Amino acid sequence: TSSKDVSQLQGARLPRRPRNEVYVSASYLWWKRLRTVVEAKFVNAREELNFGGPNFDIEDYSFANIAAEYEVNPHFSIFGRIDNITNEHYSEVFGFPALGRAAYGGVKLRF
C-alpha cells in the first residue's frame, strides 16, 4: 500500500501514515487435515504530530505470525498461533506499545 494525497504539498507526509506498508501471507493444507499459515508485515516510519513541539518519527517495524489448525474429525479441530514470533518491540501509535510475542490455542466444535 502506498499513501499519497493530492491535496498535500509535494513531498509532504500525512501524519501517522507510513509511506509504505507490506503484508504477505501464505497458507498450506497438508494431508487434508492440517492447515498452516505464515504471515508477515512491514511498516515504514510514520510522522507523529507533537502539538506544541516539533513533529517526530515513529520507527518502522516488522513482525511475523504463524498459525496451525488440525482437523481431528469434521466436528472437532485443534488450533494454535503465535503472534509476533520475533518479539519485536514497536508502537503503532506513540505511547501505546504493541504486545510482544503472544501464543493462543484452543479447540473448535462444529455442530
N, C-alpha and C. Protein backbone atom coordinates (compact mmCIF):
# COMPACT_ATOMS: atom_id res chain seq x y z
N THR A 1 0.85 -1.17 0.00
CA THR A 1 0.00 0.00 0.00
C THR A 1 0.89 1.22 0.00
N SER A 2 0.49 2.22 -0.71
CA SER A 2 1.23 3.47 -0.74
C SER A 2 0.25 4.61 -0.49
N SER A 3 0.62 5.55 0.38
CA SER A 3 -0.30 6.65 0.70
C SER A 3 0.20 7.95 0.10
N LYS A 4 -0.62 8.51 -0.79
CA LYS A 4 -0.34 9.81 -1.37
C LYS A 4 -1.62 10.62 -1.33
N ASP A 5 -1.53 11.90 -1.05
CA ASP A 5 -2.69 12.78 -1.00
C ASP A 5 -2.41 13.95 -1.94
N VAL A 6 -3.25 14.10 -2.96
CA VAL A 6 -3.00 15.14 -3.96
C VAL A 6 -3.22 16.53 -3.39
N SER A 7 -3.92 16.68 -2.25
CA SER A 7 -4.14 18.00 -1.67
C SER A 7 -2.95 18.45 -0.82
N GLN A 8 -2.01 17.57 -0.54
CA GLN A 8 -0.82 17.91 0.24
C GLN A 8 0.26 18.48 -0.68
N LEU A 9 1.13 19.29 -0.11
CA LEU A 9 2.26 19.79 -0.87
C LEU A 9 3.12 18.63 -1.31
N GLN A 10 3.74 18.77 -2.47
CA GLN A 10 4.60 17.71 -2.99
C GLN A 10 5.68 17.38 -1.97
N GLY A 11 5.80 16.11 -1.61
CA GLY A 11 6.81 15.67 -0.67
C GLY A 11 6.38 15.72 0.78
N ALA A 12 5.25 16.38 1.08
CA ALA A 12 4.77 16.43 2.47
C ALA A 12 4.16 15.09 2.84
N ARG A 13 4.37 14.67 4.08
CA ARG A 13 3.85 13.39 4.55
C ARG A 13 2.56 13.60 5.34
N LEU A 14 1.65 12.67 5.20
CA LEU A 14 0.44 12.69 6.02
C LEU A 14 0.81 12.21 7.42
N PRO A 15 0.28 12.86 8.46
CA PRO A 15 0.62 12.42 9.81
C PRO A 15 0.11 11.01 10.09
N ARG A 16 0.93 10.24 10.80
CA ARG A 16 0.61 8.87 11.23
C ARG A 16 0.35 7.89 10.09
N ARG A 17 0.75 8.23 8.88
CA ARG A 17 0.57 7.34 7.73
C ARG A 17 1.95 6.91 7.23
N PRO A 18 2.22 5.61 7.17
CA PRO A 18 3.51 5.17 6.64
C PRO A 18 3.56 5.40 5.13
N ARG A 19 4.74 5.68 4.63
CA ARG A 19 4.88 5.83 3.19
C ARG A 19 4.60 4.51 2.48
N ASN A 20 5.05 3.41 3.07
CA ASN A 20 4.82 2.07 2.52
C ASN A 20 4.45 1.10 3.64
N GLU A 21 3.62 0.13 3.28
CA GLU A 21 3.23 -0.93 4.20
C GLU A 21 3.08 -2.20 3.37
N VAL A 22 3.73 -3.27 3.79
CA VAL A 22 3.71 -4.52 3.03
C VAL A 22 3.20 -5.64 3.94
N TYR A 23 2.25 -6.41 3.43
CA TYR A 23 1.71 -7.56 4.16
C TYR A 23 1.72 -8.76 3.22
N VAL A 24 2.29 -9.87 3.68
CA VAL A 24 2.29 -11.11 2.89
C VAL A 24 1.79 -12.25 3.78
N SER A 25 1.10 -13.18 3.15
CA SER A 25 0.55 -14.31 3.89
C SER A 25 0.58 -15.54 2.99
N ALA A 26 0.88 -16.69 3.58
CA ALA A 26 0.86 -17.95 2.85
C ALA A 26 0.17 -19.00 3.71
N SER A 27 -0.67 -19.79 3.07
CA SER A 27 -1.40 -20.84 3.78
C SER A 27 -1.24 -22.13 2.99
N TYR A 28 -1.12 -23.24 3.71
CA TYR A 28 -0.98 -24.53 3.03
C TYR A 28 -1.78 -25.59 3.78
N LEU A 29 -2.48 -26.42 3.03
CA LEU A 29 -3.25 -27.51 3.60
C LEU A 29 -2.48 -28.81 3.39
N TRP A 30 -2.09 -29.45 4.48
CA TRP A 30 -1.31 -30.69 4.45
C TRP A 30 -2.25 -31.87 4.69
N TRP A 31 -2.23 -32.84 3.88
CA TRP A 31 -2.96 -34.10 4.07
C TRP A 31 -4.45 -33.90 4.38
N LYS A 32 -5.03 -32.83 3.90
CA LYS A 32 -6.46 -32.51 4.06
C LYS A 32 -6.92 -32.30 5.51
N ARG A 33 -5.99 -32.26 6.45
CA ARG A 33 -6.39 -32.10 7.86
C ARG A 33 -5.60 -31.01 8.60
N LEU A 34 -4.39 -30.73 8.16
CA LEU A 34 -3.55 -29.76 8.86
C LEU A 34 -3.34 -28.54 7.98
N ARG A 35 -3.80 -27.38 8.46
CA ARG A 35 -3.58 -26.12 7.74
C ARG A 35 -2.57 -25.29 8.52
N THR A 36 -1.57 -24.78 7.81
CA THR A 36 -0.58 -23.89 8.42
C THR A 36 -0.63 -22.54 7.71
N VAL A 37 -0.34 -21.50 8.48
CA VAL A 37 -0.37 -20.14 7.95
C VAL A 37 0.87 -19.41 8.46
N VAL A 38 1.53 -18.69 7.58
CA VAL A 38 2.64 -17.81 7.93
C VAL A 38 2.30 -16.44 7.35
N GLU A 39 2.45 -15.40 8.15
CA GLU A 39 2.19 -14.05 7.66
C GLU A 39 3.23 -13.09 8.22
N ALA A 40 3.50 -12.04 7.46
CA ALA A 40 4.48 -11.04 7.88
C ALA A 40 4.01 -9.66 7.43
N LYS A 41 4.42 -8.65 8.19
CA LYS A 41 4.04 -7.27 7.88
C LYS A 41 5.23 -6.36 8.13
N PHE A 42 5.43 -5.40 7.22
CA PHE A 42 6.45 -4.37 7.37
C PHE A 42 5.78 -3.02 7.20
N VAL A 43 6.08 -2.08 8.10
CA VAL A 43 5.50 -0.74 8.05
C VAL A 43 6.64 0.27 8.15
N ASN A 44 6.71 1.20 7.17
CA ASN A 44 7.71 2.28 7.22
C ASN A 44 7.44 3.23 8.38
N ALA A 45 8.45 4.01 8.72
CA ALA A 45 8.31 5.02 9.77
C ALA A 45 7.17 5.98 9.43
N ARG A 46 6.52 6.49 10.48
CA ARG A 46 5.43 7.44 10.30
C ARG A 46 5.74 8.71 11.08
N GLU A 47 5.28 9.82 10.55
CA GLU A 47 5.47 11.09 11.25
C GLU A 47 4.36 11.25 12.29
N GLU A 48 4.74 11.50 13.52
CA GLU A 48 3.78 11.70 14.62
C GLU A 48 3.67 13.19 14.90
N LEU A 49 2.45 13.65 15.11
CA LEU A 49 2.24 15.06 15.44
C LEU A 49 2.58 15.29 16.90
N ASN A 50 3.28 16.38 17.16
CA ASN A 50 3.61 16.76 18.53
C ASN A 50 3.08 18.17 18.72
N PHE A 51 1.86 18.27 19.18
CA PHE A 51 1.23 19.58 19.34
C PHE A 51 2.01 20.40 20.36
N GLY A 52 2.46 21.56 19.95
CA GLY A 52 3.25 22.41 20.82
C GLY A 52 4.74 22.18 20.70
N GLY A 53 5.16 21.29 19.83
CA GLY A 53 6.58 21.00 19.65
C GLY A 53 6.83 20.47 18.26
N PRO A 54 8.07 20.15 17.95
CA PRO A 54 8.35 19.63 16.60
C PRO A 54 7.81 18.20 16.43
N ASN A 55 7.37 17.90 15.22
CA ASN A 55 6.92 16.54 14.90
C ASN A 55 8.12 15.59 14.94
N PHE A 56 7.86 14.30 15.09
CA PHE A 56 8.93 13.31 15.14
C PHE A 56 8.43 12.03 14.48
N ASP A 57 9.36 11.13 14.18
CA ASP A 57 9.02 9.86 13.51
C ASP A 57 8.84 8.74 14.53
N ILE A 58 7.85 7.89 14.26
CA ILE A 58 7.72 6.61 14.96
C ILE A 58 8.47 5.62 14.08
N GLU A 59 9.36 4.85 14.65
CA GLU A 59 10.23 3.96 13.87
C GLU A 59 9.45 2.94 13.06
N ASP A 60 10.08 2.51 11.95
CA ASP A 60 9.46 1.43 11.17
C ASP A 60 9.56 0.12 11.95
N TYR A 61 8.72 -0.83 11.57
CA TYR A 61 8.71 -2.11 12.27
C TYR A 61 8.26 -3.22 11.34
N SER A 62 8.56 -4.44 11.75
CA SER A 62 8.09 -5.62 11.02
C SER A 62 7.85 -6.73 12.03
N PHE A 63 6.95 -7.63 11.70
CA PHE A 63 6.69 -8.77 12.56
C PHE A 63 6.17 -9.93 11.73
N ALA A 64 6.20 -11.13 12.32
CA ALA A 64 5.70 -12.33 11.65
C ALA A 64 4.85 -13.12 12.63
N ASN A 65 3.84 -13.79 12.09
CA ASN A 65 2.94 -14.64 12.87
C ASN A 65 2.88 -16.02 12.21
N ILE A 66 2.64 -17.05 13.02
CA ILE A 66 2.42 -18.39 12.49
C ILE A 66 1.17 -18.97 13.15
N ALA A 67 0.49 -19.85 12.43
CA ALA A 67 -0.71 -20.49 12.98
C ALA A 67 -0.87 -21.87 12.36
N ALA A 68 -1.59 -22.72 13.06
CA ALA A 68 -1.88 -24.06 12.55
C ALA A 68 -3.23 -24.52 13.11
N GLU A 69 -3.92 -25.34 12.32
CA GLU A 69 -5.17 -25.95 12.77
C GLU A 69 -5.21 -27.38 12.25
N TYR A 70 -5.51 -28.30 13.16
CA TYR A 70 -5.59 -29.71 12.80
C TYR A 70 -7.02 -30.19 13.00
N GLU A 71 -7.62 -30.69 11.92
CA GLU A 71 -8.99 -31.20 11.98
C GLU A 71 -8.96 -32.67 12.38
N VAL A 72 -9.37 -32.95 13.61
CA VAL A 72 -9.41 -34.32 14.12
C VAL A 72 -10.50 -35.10 13.41
N ASN A 73 -11.68 -34.48 13.28
CA ASN A 73 -12.79 -35.04 12.51
C ASN A 73 -13.64 -33.87 12.02
N PRO A 74 -14.67 -34.09 11.22
CA PRO A 74 -15.44 -32.96 10.68
C PRO A 74 -16.08 -32.05 11.73
N HIS A 75 -16.16 -32.49 12.97
CA HIS A 75 -16.82 -31.70 14.01
C HIS A 75 -15.87 -31.15 15.07
N PHE A 76 -14.59 -31.51 15.01
CA PHE A 76 -13.66 -31.14 16.08
C PHE A 76 -12.28 -30.84 15.50
N SER A 77 -11.72 -29.67 15.88
CA SER A 77 -10.36 -29.34 15.45
C SER A 77 -9.62 -28.64 16.60
N ILE A 78 -8.30 -28.70 16.52
CA ILE A 78 -7.41 -28.08 17.49
C ILE A 78 -6.61 -27.01 16.75
N PHE A 79 -6.44 -25.84 17.37
CA PHE A 79 -5.70 -24.77 16.69
C PHE A 79 -4.74 -24.09 17.65
N GLY A 80 -3.76 -23.42 17.07
CA GLY A 80 -2.82 -22.63 17.85
C GLY A 80 -2.17 -21.59 16.96
N ARG A 81 -1.71 -20.51 17.57
CA ARG A 81 -1.00 -19.49 16.80
C ARG A 81 -0.03 -18.76 17.72
N ILE A 82 1.01 -18.24 17.10
CA ILE A 82 1.98 -17.39 17.80
C ILE A 82 2.07 -16.09 17.02
N ASP A 83 1.74 -15.00 17.67
CA ASP A 83 1.83 -13.67 17.06
C ASP A 83 3.15 -13.03 17.46
N ASN A 84 3.73 -12.27 16.54
CA ASN A 84 4.98 -11.54 16.78
C ASN A 84 6.07 -12.50 17.26
N ILE A 85 6.35 -13.51 16.44
CA ILE A 85 7.28 -14.57 16.86
C ILE A 85 8.70 -14.05 17.14
N THR A 86 9.06 -12.91 16.58
CA THR A 86 10.39 -12.35 16.83
C THR A 86 10.40 -11.43 18.06
N ASN A 87 9.25 -11.27 18.69
CA ASN A 87 9.10 -10.41 19.88
C ASN A 87 9.55 -8.98 19.60
N GLU A 88 9.18 -8.47 18.43
CA GLU A 88 9.51 -7.11 18.02
C GLU A 88 8.84 -6.10 18.96
N HIS A 89 9.59 -5.10 19.41
CA HIS A 89 9.04 -4.03 20.25
C HIS A 89 8.74 -2.84 19.34
N TYR A 90 7.47 -2.47 19.24
CA TYR A 90 7.07 -1.37 18.35
C TYR A 90 5.78 -0.74 18.86
N SER A 91 5.46 0.42 18.31
CA SER A 91 4.21 1.12 18.62
C SER A 91 3.56 1.53 17.31
N GLU A 92 2.27 1.23 17.18
CA GLU A 92 1.53 1.73 16.02
C GLU A 92 1.15 3.18 16.24
N VAL A 93 0.91 3.56 17.50
CA VAL A 93 0.64 4.94 17.90
C VAL A 93 1.59 5.26 19.04
N PHE A 94 2.21 6.43 19.01
CA PHE A 94 3.18 6.81 20.03
C PHE A 94 2.56 6.71 21.43
N GLY A 95 3.30 6.10 22.35
CA GLY A 95 2.84 5.99 23.72
C GLY A 95 2.00 4.75 24.02
N PHE A 96 1.68 3.98 22.98
CA PHE A 96 0.88 2.77 23.15
C PHE A 96 1.61 1.59 22.52
N PRO A 97 2.52 0.96 23.25
CA PRO A 97 3.29 -0.15 22.67
C PRO A 97 2.41 -1.34 22.33
N ALA A 98 2.75 -2.02 21.25
CA ALA A 98 2.03 -3.23 20.84
C ALA A 98 2.46 -4.38 21.74
N LEU A 99 1.66 -5.43 21.74
CA LEU A 99 2.01 -6.62 22.52
C LEU A 99 3.28 -7.24 21.98
N GLY A 100 4.02 -7.87 22.84
CA GLY A 100 5.17 -8.66 22.41
C GLY A 100 4.68 -10.00 21.89
N ARG A 101 5.56 -10.98 21.93
CA ARG A 101 5.17 -12.33 21.49
C ARG A 101 3.99 -12.81 22.31
N ALA A 102 3.03 -13.45 21.64
CA ALA A 102 1.84 -13.97 22.33
C ALA A 102 1.44 -15.28 21.67
N ALA A 103 1.01 -16.24 22.49
CA ALA A 103 0.58 -17.54 21.98
C ALA A 103 -0.88 -17.79 22.38
N TYR A 104 -1.62 -18.38 21.46
CA TYR A 104 -3.03 -18.69 21.68
C TYR A 104 -3.30 -20.11 21.19
N GLY A 105 -4.25 -20.75 21.78
CA GLY A 105 -4.62 -22.09 21.34
C GLY A 105 -6.01 -22.42 21.81
N GLY A 106 -6.58 -23.45 21.22
CA GLY A 106 -7.91 -23.85 21.63
C GLY A 106 -8.46 -24.96 20.77
N VAL A 107 -9.74 -25.17 20.93
CA VAL A 107 -10.44 -26.19 20.15
C VAL A 107 -11.65 -25.56 19.49
N LYS A 108 -12.08 -26.15 18.38
CA LYS A 108 -13.30 -25.72 17.69
C LYS A 108 -14.24 -26.91 17.60
N LEU A 109 -15.48 -26.67 17.97
CA LEU A 109 -16.52 -27.68 17.83
C LEU A 109 -17.52 -27.20 16.80
N ARG A 110 -17.87 -28.06 15.85
CA ARG A 110 -18.84 -27.71 14.81
C ARG A 110 -20.04 -28.65 14.93
N PHE A 111 -21.22 -28.07 14.92
CA PHE A 111 -22.45 -28.86 15.01
C PHE A 111 -23.22 -28.79 13.72
